[in-house]
Amino acid sequence: MNETQALRCDKLPPLFHTVHSDDEYLLNTIDGAWFDILYHFPWENYCYHAANYYEALYQFNIEQALSAKKNVDKNPETKQDAQQRLLFERPTMKNSDTDSSHILYQNNIVDFGRPKIDPTELAPGVVPARCFGRKPKCFFSLLKSFIGTTLMGYPSEPEQVYSFLNNNPSFARVCGFTLHDKRTRSDYQQIQVPSLRKLEQFDQIMREAGIWDQIKVCEVQQNLKSGVFELEKELVGDTTHYHAYSGYETVKYEDDKDKVQKKSQSKVTKSCRCEDREQCSHEWKLCDEGAGTIVKSSTKMYWGHKASIIGLPRQGVVLDAVAVMDAATHDGKTFYPHVRKVFEQYPEVASSVNRVLYDSACSDTALKNLFHQELGVELKASFNPRAKKAIITNLPRGIDRITPYGVPICHAGHKMEYKGIRYDNEKFIFSAPIQENGASVCTGCSKRHECCNLSEDKNSSRTITVSFDVLPHIDPSDPPMAKRFKAIMARRPSVERMIKRLKCDLSDPHLSKRGNESFQAYLDKTVIGYHILLRQIH
């Protein structure tokens, strides 16, 4: 067969269609949901993102060629000076009370410019034609390989994707790749499994161009419009930590009062391979930007990255996950900018939600007023008495103490139940609890004579009032002892289940890359896989 005949044969439709038995098995097994999703992958929904990727790839190749010829001026900054500069550039060293835009990671917005690519001309195996260079790997195949890794419950990182493509023939086939055959020539072919370098390049371009974030938003909007989940009147949020793939060092600095302080910080390095880094022209930067010490308690601390999670409490659906610019940031400072970000991305959510839930980190009056005035929603936070101690003086008759949470406990050890408020007298009302048989715990109590001795009815129960002045840290307009408050806050722990699905079921809490940009892409890929899987099981 000559070359002309071979070209004609390439244009003919295939005469045979190979059916693999393992593919048929995976399509019909309950554990093969990932294969079913990739096999029936709706690539038409991702043509716009494919066009953006090819544009970003085109610009990336040009920039790589230009950077090799670029001369950089000498950098006179020493490593010690860079440590101090980078330390004071961290968000936790700035005044975040006036500006909250630097608390959460902001994705890049890339203007792709010319040449423009028509998304309707793209399809699996069909890539835009260029005047020079080799054909790029198919965007849809690369995208499916990363999404499929997440669907199988593994971190969607190039090393993991590369391992699956080379060790799982069914996974490679359903993604659109063929394995390398040693019996054939080893030249570059578009449909062969990409090298690890190509996978890393794809992930880098998707990350730097903000395409992972674009796909994430589209997946959430599609599930919302198709009815996979419904809007609710509440949002719930929390933060979680991921173990950083880096170490740290302790940096000393002088505060405003000229006192020497210490702070843990990622090590300082340069992104070059120069022999003399102290004198080379490249700029010093943090080895793992965004990593910090996350304090859980006085004896439990972690070096890692922090992510803010927001979702719908009743359905347990994750809406967004965003990286915190500095992991040492207090949780109470991350919630407001994250809710504002979600409202801007999803206007339907903003028009539906009238209450947001968080833990005690947001139990602050000023923050509640900010939510009400700026976003028009009510902030409910778990009550935290902070350093308050139990009250043991000036108590009603028969009461042993009042806990910092505002619950009176009698001499018999029974917790009094909250009943309401007398606003005229500025007092809280409590009564003795009722047993399962319907009788009060005061009936037959051995210490009844200490508190109920004035009552002639032996079946009566004790009712007490506590002045507002005795519990100054309790807000009378929203007392945490009320049943309504407890019923609302009972929905807050649903965010823990959302975090478990993202952090443990679809990824790994131990990161393998460094920097906020990589961490945000890690979260975006996890949320993408989460919503695709959610749509599959709906």
Protein backbone atom coordinates (compact mmCIF):
# COMPACT_ATOMS: atom_id res chain seq x y z
CA MET A 1 0.00 0.00 0.00
CA ASN A 2 1.46 3.34 -1.04
CA GLU A 3 1.14 6.65 0.84
CA THR A 4 -1.84 7.87 -1.23
CA GLN A 5 -3.81 4.71 -0.53
CA ALA A 6 -3.01 4.97 3.17
CA LEU A 7 -4.38 8.51 3.32
CA ARG A 8 -7.58 7.41 1.60
CA CYS A 9 -8.04 4.56 4.09
CA ASP A 10 -7.68 6.98 7.00
CA LYS A 11 -10.73 8.90 5.76
CA LEU A 12 -12.94 5.81 5.54
CA PRO A 13 -15.22 4.91 8.45
CA PRO A 14 -13.95 2.09 10.68
CA LEU A 15 -14.98 -1.37 9.57
CA PHE A 16 -14.63 -2.90 13.03
CA HIS A 17 -15.60 -1.72 16.50
CA THR A 18 -13.74 -3.46 19.30
CA VAL A 19 -15.76 -4.26 22.43
CA HIS A 20 -13.71 -5.05 25.53
CA SER A 21 -15.19 -7.38 28.12
CA ASP A 22 -13.83 -5.40 31.05
CA ASP A 23 -15.50 -2.26 29.70
CA GLU A 24 -18.82 -4.10 29.51
CA TYR A 25 -18.35 -5.28 33.09
CA LEU A 26 -17.59 -1.80 34.40
CA LEU A 27 -20.69 -0.40 32.70
CA ASN A 28 -22.90 -2.88 34.54
CA THR A 29 -21.29 -2.95 37.99
CA ILE A 30 -22.44 -0.80 40.90
CA ASP A 31 -18.84 0.20 41.65
CA GLY A 32 -18.26 1.46 38.12
CA ALA A 33 -20.07 4.79 38.37
CA TRP A 34 -16.88 6.59 37.34
CA PHE A 35 -16.67 4.52 34.17
CA ASP A 36 -20.31 5.12 33.27
CA ILE A 37 -19.84 8.89 33.69
CA LEU A 38 -16.72 8.95 31.49
CA TYR A 39 -18.24 6.58 28.92
CA HIS A 40 -21.29 8.84 28.46
CA PHE A 41 -19.36 12.05 29.05
CA PRO A 42 -21.30 15.09 27.68
CA TRP A 43 -18.34 16.69 25.93
CA GLU A 44 -20.60 19.21 24.17
CA ASN A 45 -20.96 21.09 27.48
CA TYR A 46 -17.22 21.74 27.63
CA CYS A 47 -16.51 23.08 24.14
CA TYR A 48 -16.25 26.67 25.41
CA HIS A 49 -13.70 25.61 28.03
CA ALA A 50 -11.83 23.65 25.36
CA ALA A 51 -11.52 26.78 23.22
CA ASN A 52 -10.20 28.71 26.22
CA TYR A 53 -7.69 25.97 26.94
CA TYR A 54 -6.31 25.89 23.41
CA GLU A 55 -6.01 29.70 23.48
CA ALA A 56 -4.17 29.49 26.81
CA LEU A 57 -1.94 26.72 25.44
CA TYR A 58 -1.07 28.89 22.44
CA GLN A 59 -0.11 31.82 24.67
CA PHE A 60 1.72 29.54 27.09
CA ASN A 61 4.01 28.23 24.34
CA ILE A 62 4.75 31.76 23.15
CA GLU A 63 5.55 32.96 26.68
CA GLN A 64 7.84 30.00 27.27
CA ALA A 65 9.78 30.85 24.14
CA LEU A 66 10.08 34.52 25.09
CA SER A 67 11.05 33.87 28.71
CA ALA A 68 14.06 31.86 27.59
CA LYS A 69 15.46 35.00 25.93
CA LYS A 70 14.47 37.44 28.66
CA ASN A 71 17.22 39.09 30.71
CA VAL A 72 16.55 39.70 34.39
CA ASP A 73 18.22 42.48 36.35
CA LYS A 74 20.28 41.56 39.37
CA ASN A 75 18.36 41.25 42.62
CA PRO A 76 20.26 42.88 45.51
CA GLU A 77 17.85 41.64 48.21
CA THR A 78 19.32 39.28 50.80
CA LYS A 79 17.55 36.20 52.11
CA GLN A 80 17.06 37.77 55.57
CA ASP A 81 15.53 40.91 54.07
CA ALA A 82 13.22 38.76 51.95
CA GLN A 83 12.04 36.89 55.07
CA GLN A 84 10.96 40.14 56.72
CA ARG A 85 9.38 41.52 53.54
CA LEU A 86 7.38 38.38 52.86
CA LEU A 87 6.35 38.15 56.51
CA PHE A 88 4.74 41.59 56.53
CA GLU A 89 3.10 40.94 53.16
CA ARG A 90 1.08 38.08 54.66
CA PRO A 91 -2.65 38.81 55.23
CA THR A 92 -2.40 38.00 58.94
CA MET A 93 0.13 40.81 59.35
CA LYS A 94 -2.16 43.37 57.72
CA ASN A 95 -5.18 45.25 59.03
CA SER A 96 -8.03 43.10 57.73
CA ASP A 97 -10.70 45.20 59.48
CA THR A 98 -10.66 47.71 56.64
CA ASP A 99 -10.09 45.37 53.70
CA SER A 100 -11.20 41.73 53.40
CA SER A 101 -10.37 41.25 49.71
CA HIS A 102 -6.99 39.68 50.50
CA ILE A 103 -8.34 37.02 52.86
CA LEU A 104 -9.56 34.58 50.19
CA TYR A 105 -7.77 33.50 47.04
CA GLN A 106 -8.84 35.35 43.90
CA ASN A 107 -8.72 33.32 40.67
CA ASN A 108 -6.99 34.76 37.63
CA ILE A 109 -9.08 36.38 34.90
CA VAL A 110 -7.31 35.78 31.59
CA ASP A 111 -7.97 37.72 28.39
CA PHE A 112 -7.13 35.20 25.68
CA GLY A 113 -7.11 37.66 22.78
CA ARG A 114 -6.30 36.46 19.28
CA PRO A 115 -6.32 34.07 17.53
CA LYS A 116 -9.91 33.14 18.40
CA ILE A 117 -11.16 29.55 18.24
CA ASP A 118 -14.73 28.61 17.41
CA PRO A 119 -15.97 26.23 20.16
CA THR A 120 -18.45 24.61 17.76
CA GLU A 121 -15.58 23.31 15.63
CA LEU A 122 -14.07 21.35 18.52
CA ALA A 123 -14.84 17.74 19.42
CA PRO A 124 -13.06 14.73 20.96
CA GLY A 125 -10.04 14.09 18.76
CA VAL A 126 -10.55 17.35 16.84
CA VAL A 127 -8.09 20.08 17.77
CA PRO A 128 -7.59 23.54 16.23
CA ALA A 129 -5.16 23.65 13.34
CA ARG A 130 -1.93 25.58 13.79
CA CYS A 131 0.56 26.66 11.17
CA PHE A 132 3.44 25.05 13.01
CA GLY A 133 4.15 22.60 15.81
CA ARG A 134 2.74 19.22 16.72
CA LYS A 135 -0.92 18.54 17.33
CA PRO A 136 -1.77 19.06 20.99
CA LYS A 137 -3.35 16.39 23.12
CA CYS A 138 -7.14 16.38 23.04
CA PHE A 139 -8.62 18.64 25.72
CA PHE A 140 -11.62 16.38 26.31
CA SER A 141 -9.42 13.32 26.89
CA LEU A 142 -7.20 15.22 29.31
CA LEU A 143 -10.21 16.63 31.14
CA LYS A 144 -11.82 13.20 31.47
CA SER A 145 -8.62 11.73 32.89
CA PHE A 146 -8.48 14.34 35.67
CA ILE A 147 -12.20 14.15 36.44
CA GLY A 148 -12.15 10.35 36.40
CA THR A 149 -9.36 10.27 38.97
CA THR A 150 -11.49 12.37 41.31
CA LEU A 151 -14.55 10.19 40.72
CA MET A 152 -12.54 7.15 41.79
CA GLY A 153 -11.76 8.88 45.10
CA TYR A 154 -8.15 9.87 44.47
CA PRO A 155 -6.52 13.31 44.38
CA SER A 156 -6.71 14.74 40.88
CA GLU A 157 -3.01 15.46 40.52
CA PRO A 158 -0.85 14.77 37.43
CA GLU A 159 1.17 12.02 39.15
CA GLN A 160 -1.98 10.12 40.12
CA VAL A 161 -3.58 10.63 36.69
CA TYR A 162 -0.43 9.41 34.96
CA SER A 163 -0.38 6.28 37.11
CA PHE A 164 -4.00 5.40 36.31
CA LEU A 165 -3.60 6.02 32.58
CA ASN A 166 -0.63 3.67 32.36
CA ASN A 167 -1.84 0.97 34.76
CA ASN A 168 -5.56 0.85 33.97
CA PRO A 169 -6.24 0.12 30.27
CA SER A 170 -10.01 0.59 30.71
CA PHE A 171 -9.46 4.02 32.20
CA ALA A 172 -7.12 5.05 29.39
CA ARG A 173 -9.55 3.81 26.69
CA VAL A 174 -12.61 5.52 28.14
CA CYS A 175 -10.65 8.77 28.38
CA GLY A 176 -9.74 8.51 24.70
CA PHE A 177 -6.09 7.43 24.92
CA THR A 178 -4.21 4.37 23.75
CA LEU A 179 -1.29 2.80 25.58
CA HIS A 180 2.21 2.88 24.16
CA ASP A 181 3.13 -0.20 22.17
CA LYS A 182 6.82 -1.11 22.16
CA ARG A 183 6.39 -2.98 18.90
CA THR A 184 5.45 0.20 17.04
CA ARG A 185 7.46 3.33 16.51
CA SER A 186 7.92 5.57 19.55
CA ASP A 187 7.24 8.85 17.74
CA TYR A 188 4.78 11.35 19.18
CA GLN A 189 1.15 10.49 18.54
CA GLN A 190 -1.82 12.56 19.60
CA ILE A 191 -3.95 9.69 20.93
CA GLN A 192 -1.23 8.02 22.99
CA VAL A 193 -1.22 8.36 26.77
CA PRO A 194 0.46 11.69 27.54
CA SER A 195 3.68 11.90 29.47
CA LEU A 196 3.78 13.15 33.03
CA ARG A 197 5.22 16.44 31.78
CA LYS A 198 2.23 16.95 29.43
CA LEU A 199 -0.21 16.25 32.26
CA GLU A 200 1.60 18.72 34.49
CA GLN A 201 1.53 21.28 31.71
CA PHE A 202 -2.21 20.77 31.19
CA ASP A 203 -2.89 21.21 34.91
CA GLN A 204 -0.68 24.30 35.03
CA ILE A 205 -2.42 25.97 32.08
CA MET A 206 -5.88 25.16 33.44
CA ARG A 207 -4.84 26.56 36.80
CA GLU A 208 -3.16 29.74 35.62
CA ALA A 209 -5.95 30.56 33.15
CA GLY A 210 -8.65 30.01 35.78
CA ILE A 211 -10.40 27.36 33.66
CA TRP A 212 -10.79 24.94 36.58
CA ASP A 213 -12.75 27.64 38.39
CA GLN A 214 -14.89 28.34 35.31
CA ILE A 215 -15.82 24.66 34.99
CA LYS A 216 -16.62 24.49 38.70
CA VAL A 217 -19.06 27.40 38.50
CA CYS A 218 -20.70 25.92 35.38
CA GLU A 219 -21.18 22.55 37.09
CA VAL A 220 -22.89 24.14 40.08
CA GLN A 221 -25.12 26.29 37.87
CA GLN A 222 -26.08 23.30 35.73
CA ASN A 223 -27.09 21.25 38.76
CA LEU A 224 -29.05 24.18 40.12
CA LYS A 225 -30.94 24.78 36.87
CA SER A 226 -31.62 21.08 36.23
CA GLY A 227 -33.06 20.55 39.72
CA VAL A 228 -30.33 18.25 41.05
CA PHE A 229 -30.54 20.33 44.23
CA GLU A 230 -32.94 23.05 45.28
CA LEU A 231 -32.39 26.47 46.77
CA GLU A 232 -32.70 26.86 50.52
CA LYS A 233 -33.17 29.79 52.85
CA GLU A 234 -29.98 29.04 54.74
CA LEU A 235 -26.28 28.61 54.05
CA VAL A 236 -23.78 26.92 56.32
CA GLY A 237 -20.03 27.37 56.37
CA ASP A 238 -16.86 26.22 58.08
CA THR A 239 -13.14 25.86 57.46
CA THR A 240 -10.95 22.79 57.23
CA HIS A 241 -7.23 22.21 56.95
CA TYR A 242 -5.10 20.22 54.51
CA HIS A 243 -1.61 19.10 55.50
CA ALA A 244 0.98 21.12 53.60
CA TYR A 245 3.68 19.56 51.44
CA SER A 246 6.38 21.76 52.94
CA GLY A 247 8.24 22.71 56.08
CA TYR A 248 8.45 25.95 58.02
CA GLU A 249 10.86 28.14 59.92
CA THR A 250 10.44 30.55 62.82
CA VAL A 251 10.96 34.20 61.92
CA LYS A 252 11.59 36.89 64.51
CA TYR A 253 10.31 40.42 64.03
CA GLU A 254 9.57 43.60 66.00
CA ASP A 255 5.96 44.66 66.52
CA ASP A 256 4.58 48.20 66.86
CA LYS A 257 5.76 48.33 70.47
CA ASP A 258 9.33 47.35 69.51
CA LYS A 259 8.93 43.96 71.16
CA VAL A 260 10.48 40.90 69.55
CA GLN A 261 7.84 38.42 68.38
CA LYS A 262 7.97 35.04 66.64
CA LYS A 263 5.88 33.66 63.79
CA SER A 264 6.07 30.43 61.82
CA GLN A 265 6.47 30.93 58.10
CA SER A 266 7.20 28.89 55.01
CA LYS A 267 10.84 28.77 54.02
CA VAL A 268 12.18 31.34 51.56
CA THR A 269 13.51 30.12 48.22
CA LYS A 270 14.01 31.02 44.55
CA SER A 271 12.39 29.31 41.58
CA CYS A 272 15.63 28.79 39.72
CA ARG A 273 18.55 26.39 39.51
CA CYS A 274 21.33 28.93 39.73
CA GLU A 275 24.47 27.75 41.47
CA ASP A 276 24.74 30.88 43.62
CA ARG A 277 21.20 31.72 44.72
CA GLU A 278 22.39 34.41 47.09
CA GLN A 279 23.71 36.50 44.21
CA CYS A 280 21.53 35.52 41.25
CA SER A 281 18.98 37.89 39.71
CA HIS A 282 15.81 35.93 40.57
CA GLU A 283 13.39 37.13 43.25
CA TRP A 284 13.03 35.50 46.66
CA LYS A 285 9.62 34.05 47.43
CA LEU A 286 7.91 31.75 49.89
CA CYS A 287 8.40 28.06 49.24
CA ASP A 288 4.73 27.35 50.06
CA GLU A 289 2.72 30.56 49.87
CA GLY A 290 -0.43 30.42 51.98
CA ALA A 291 0.70 27.69 54.36
CA GLY A 292 0.58 28.54 58.04
CA THR A 293 0.08 27.23 61.55
CA ILE A 294 -3.53 26.23 62.13
CA VAL A 295 -4.36 26.23 65.84
CA LYS A 296 -7.09 23.81 66.92
CA SER A 297 -6.32 23.98 70.64
CA SER A 298 -3.43 24.78 72.94
CA THR A 299 -1.97 21.31 72.33
CA LYS A 300 -3.14 20.63 68.75
CA MET A 301 -1.60 22.59 65.87
CA TYR A 302 -1.09 21.78 62.20
CA TRP A 303 1.13 23.15 59.46
CA GLY A 304 -1.05 23.28 56.40
CA HIS A 305 -3.43 25.14 54.13
CA LYS A 306 -6.92 26.25 55.10
CA ALA A 307 -10.05 26.05 52.95
CA SER A 308 -13.42 27.70 53.50
CA ILE A 309 -16.45 25.54 52.62
CA ILE A 310 -20.03 26.77 52.02
CA GLY A 311 -23.09 24.63 51.29
CA LEU A 312 -26.79 24.02 51.78
CA PRO A 313 -27.44 22.53 55.25
CA ARG A 314 -30.69 20.62 54.66
CA GLN A 315 -29.54 18.83 51.49
CA GLY A 316 -25.86 18.71 52.41
CA VAL A 317 -24.73 20.06 49.03
CA VAL A 318 -21.41 21.88 48.65
CA LEU A 319 -21.67 25.15 46.73
CA ASP A 320 -18.11 26.40 46.90
CA ALA A 321 -14.68 25.75 48.36
CA VAL A 322 -12.03 28.44 48.34
CA ALA A 323 -8.46 28.63 49.62
CA VAL A 324 -7.62 31.04 52.44
CA MET A 325 -4.66 33.21 51.47
CA ASP A 326 -2.98 32.69 54.85
CA ALA A 327 -3.84 29.52 56.78
CA ALA A 328 -3.16 31.33 60.07
CA THR A 329 -6.19 33.59 59.46
CA HIS A 330 -8.90 33.39 62.12
CA ASP A 331 -11.99 31.50 60.97
CA GLY A 332 -14.27 34.41 61.84
CA LYS A 333 -12.64 36.57 59.15
CA THR A 334 -13.15 34.14 56.26
CA PHE A 335 -16.93 33.67 56.32
CA TYR A 336 -18.14 37.13 55.29
CA PRO A 337 -15.95 37.48 52.15
CA HIS A 338 -16.81 33.91 51.16
CA VAL A 339 -20.58 34.45 51.45
CA ARG A 340 -20.24 37.65 49.44
CA LYS A 341 -18.29 35.72 46.77
CA VAL A 342 -20.99 33.02 46.57
CA PHE A 343 -23.73 35.66 46.28
CA GLU A 344 -21.87 37.33 43.40
CA GLN A 345 -21.31 34.06 41.54
CA TYR A 346 -24.84 32.70 42.08
CA PRO A 347 -27.47 35.48 42.22
CA GLU A 348 -30.22 32.87 42.64
CA VAL A 349 -28.67 31.83 45.93
CA ALA A 350 -28.41 35.45 47.09
CA SER A 351 -32.11 36.07 46.43
CA SER A 352 -33.13 32.90 48.27
CA VAL A 353 -30.94 32.92 51.39
CA ASN A 354 -31.96 34.95 54.43
CA ARG A 355 -29.85 33.23 57.11
CA VAL A 356 -26.29 31.89 57.33
CA LEU A 357 -24.93 29.51 59.97
CA TYR A 358 -21.45 29.23 61.42
CA ASP A 359 -19.67 28.05 64.54
CA SER A 360 -18.67 30.15 67.53
CA ALA A 361 -15.80 31.79 65.60
CA CYS A 362 -18.39 34.19 64.14
CA SER A 363 -20.14 34.90 67.42
CA ASP A 364 -19.49 38.63 67.18
CA THR A 365 -22.02 41.46 67.26
CA ALA A 366 -20.12 43.64 64.78
CA LEU A 367 -19.90 40.79 62.30
CA LYS A 368 -23.61 40.05 62.63
CA ASN A 369 -24.38 43.70 61.91
CA LEU A 370 -22.09 43.57 58.85
CA PHE A 371 -23.99 40.61 57.42
CA HIS A 372 -27.30 42.32 58.03
CA GLN A 373 -26.33 45.71 56.62
CA GLU A 374 -24.19 44.65 53.63
CA LEU A 375 -25.75 41.34 52.56
CA GLY A 376 -29.22 41.54 54.09
CA VAL A 377 -28.99 38.16 55.83
CA GLU A 378 -29.06 37.03 59.45
CA LEU A 379 -25.93 35.45 60.90
CA LYS A 380 -26.51 32.67 63.42
CA ALA A 381 -23.41 31.46 65.23
CA SER A 382 -22.93 28.84 67.92
CA PHE A 383 -22.75 30.44 71.34
CA ASN A 384 -19.32 30.60 72.95
CA PRO A 385 -19.02 32.03 76.48
CA ARG A 386 -15.28 32.52 75.90
CA ALA A 387 -13.56 32.89 79.28
CA LYS A 388 -16.76 33.13 81.32
CA LYS A 389 -17.00 31.04 84.48
CA ALA A 390 -19.96 29.46 86.21
CA ILE A 391 -22.01 31.85 88.36
CA ILE A 392 -22.27 30.75 92.01
CA THR A 393 -23.38 33.93 93.82
CA ASN A 394 -26.73 35.76 94.08
CA LEU A 395 -28.62 32.73 92.82
CA PRO A 396 -32.33 31.85 93.28
CA ARG A 397 -33.28 29.48 96.06
CA GLY A 398 -32.31 25.85 95.44
CA ILE A 399 -29.98 26.64 92.53
CA ASP A 400 -26.40 25.39 92.81
CA ARG A 401 -24.89 27.32 89.87
CA ILE A 402 -25.54 28.79 86.44
CA THR A 403 -23.28 27.53 83.69
CA PRO A 404 -21.50 29.97 81.33
CA TYR A 405 -24.03 28.90 78.69
CA GLY A 406 -26.86 30.30 80.83
CA VAL A 407 -28.31 27.03 82.15
CA PRO A 408 -29.25 26.95 85.89
CA ILE A 409 -28.52 23.68 87.72
CA CYS A 410 -30.32 22.89 90.97
CA HIS A 411 -28.88 21.25 94.08
CA ALA A 412 -30.13 17.87 92.85
CA GLY A 413 -28.14 18.22 89.63
CA HIS A 414 -31.09 18.81 87.26
CA LYS A 415 -30.70 21.30 84.41
CA MET A 416 -33.49 23.86 84.36
CA GLU A 417 -35.30 24.30 81.04
CA TYR A 418 -35.58 27.69 79.39
CA LYS A 419 -39.19 28.87 78.98
CA GLY A 420 -39.08 32.47 77.87
CA ILE A 421 -38.40 36.10 78.80
CA ARG A 422 -40.21 38.77 80.77
CA TYR A 423 -39.07 41.86 78.95
CA ASP A 424 -40.88 44.20 81.38
CA ASN A 425 -38.87 42.86 84.29
CA GLU A 426 -35.79 42.03 82.18
CA LYS A 427 -35.64 38.44 83.40
CA PHE A 428 -35.17 34.97 81.90
CA ILE A 429 -37.70 32.28 82.92
CA PHE A 430 -36.68 28.71 83.71
CA SER A 431 -38.59 25.72 85.07
CA ALA A 432 -37.74 22.22 86.26
CA PRO A 433 -37.56 19.57 83.50
CA ILE A 434 -40.30 17.00 82.93
CA GLN A 435 -39.65 13.27 83.16
CA GLU A 436 -40.74 10.65 80.61
CA ASN A 437 -43.84 9.81 82.67
CA GLY A 438 -44.99 13.43 82.45
CA ALA A 439 -44.19 14.32 86.06
CA SER A 440 -41.75 17.00 87.14
CA VAL A 441 -38.36 15.99 88.49
CA CYS A 442 -39.31 17.95 91.61
CA THR A 443 -41.88 15.29 92.51
CA GLY A 444 -40.28 13.00 95.05
CA CYS A 445 -36.97 14.88 94.94
CA SER A 446 -34.94 14.49 98.15
CA LYS A 447 -33.96 18.18 98.04
CA ARG A 448 -37.45 19.48 97.37
CA HIS A 449 -37.60 21.16 100.77
CA GLU A 450 -34.67 23.39 99.81
CA CYS A 451 -36.45 25.05 96.90
CA CYS A 452 -40.14 24.00 96.77
CA ASN A 453 -40.96 24.05 100.48
CA LEU A 454 -43.32 27.01 100.14
CA SER A 455 -45.63 25.15 97.76
CA GLU A 456 -48.55 23.17 99.21
CA ASP A 457 -48.96 21.14 96.02
CA LYS A 458 -46.57 18.19 96.23
CA ASN A 459 -46.76 17.71 92.43
CA SER A 460 -45.76 21.26 91.55
CA SER A 461 -42.40 22.06 89.94
CA ARG A 462 -39.99 24.87 90.54
CA THR A 463 -39.98 27.97 88.34
CA ILE A 464 -37.25 30.59 88.68
CA THR A 465 -36.32 33.88 87.06
CA VAL A 466 -32.82 35.14 86.38
CA SER A 467 -32.11 38.82 85.80
CA PHE A 468 -30.40 40.02 82.62
CA ASP A 469 -27.68 41.53 84.82
CA VAL A 470 -26.70 38.08 86.10
CA LEU A 471 -26.07 36.89 82.52
CA PRO A 472 -24.68 39.99 80.76
CA HIS A 473 -23.02 37.87 78.03
CA ILE A 474 -26.38 36.41 76.95
CA ASP A 475 -28.20 38.35 74.23
CA PRO A 476 -31.89 38.60 75.29
CA SER A 477 -32.99 39.08 71.68
CA ASP A 478 -31.41 35.75 70.68
CA PRO A 479 -30.80 33.57 73.75
CA PRO A 480 -28.87 30.35 73.00
CA MET A 481 -30.98 28.46 75.55
CA ALA A 482 -34.12 28.82 73.42
CA LYS A 483 -35.46 25.78 71.56
CA ARG A 484 -35.68 27.77 68.33
CA PHE A 485 -31.99 28.68 68.51
CA LYS A 486 -31.04 25.05 69.17
CA ALA A 487 -33.25 23.80 66.31
CA ILE A 488 -31.61 26.21 63.87
CA MET A 489 -28.07 25.42 64.97
CA ALA A 490 -28.78 21.68 64.79
CA ARG A 491 -28.39 22.04 61.01
CA ARG A 492 -24.93 23.57 61.24
CA PRO A 493 -22.99 20.26 61.66
CA SER A 494 -24.10 19.23 58.15
CA VAL A 495 -21.06 21.13 56.86
CA GLU A 496 -18.85 18.55 58.56
CA ARG A 497 -20.29 15.86 56.31
CA MET A 498 -19.67 18.08 53.27
CA ILE A 499 -16.04 18.51 54.31
CA LYS A 500 -15.69 14.75 54.76
CA ARG A 501 -16.92 14.08 51.22
CA LEU A 502 -14.55 16.62 49.68
CA LYS A 503 -11.56 15.99 51.90
CA CYS A 504 -11.66 12.22 52.38
CA ASP A 505 -14.01 10.61 49.84
CA LEU A 506 -12.92 12.48 46.70
CA SER A 507 -9.39 13.62 47.54
CA ASP A 508 -6.66 13.39 50.16
CA PRO A 509 -6.05 15.69 53.15
CA HIS A 510 -2.31 15.54 52.45
CA LEU A 511 -1.31 17.86 49.62
CA SER A 512 1.38 17.05 47.08
CA LYS A 513 1.82 20.58 45.69
CA ARG A 514 2.64 23.95 47.15
CA GLY A 515 1.16 27.42 46.92
CA ASN A 516 -2.32 28.91 47.05
CA GLU A 517 -2.82 28.67 43.30
CA SER A 518 -2.23 24.91 43.28
CA PHE A 519 -4.35 24.45 46.39
CA GLN A 520 -7.27 26.37 44.86
CA ALA A 521 -7.06 24.25 41.72
CA TYR A 522 -7.04 21.16 43.95
CA LEU A 523 -10.29 22.32 45.57
CA ASP A 524 -11.86 23.27 42.22
CA LYS A 525 -11.17 19.84 40.73
CA THR A 526 -12.65 18.15 43.78
CA VAL A 527 -15.85 20.24 43.63
CA ILE A 528 -16.15 19.54 39.89
CA GLY A 529 -16.02 15.79 40.48
CA TYR A 530 -18.41 16.14 43.41
CA HIS A 531 -21.12 17.85 41.34
CA ILE A 532 -20.69 15.51 38.38
CA LEU A 533 -21.14 12.55 40.70
CA LEU A 534 -24.10 14.30 42.35
CA ARG A 535 -25.76 14.68 38.97
CA GLN A 536 -25.13 11.02 38.18
CA ILE A 537 -26.84 9.68 41.30
CA HIS A 538 -29.72 12.17 41.17
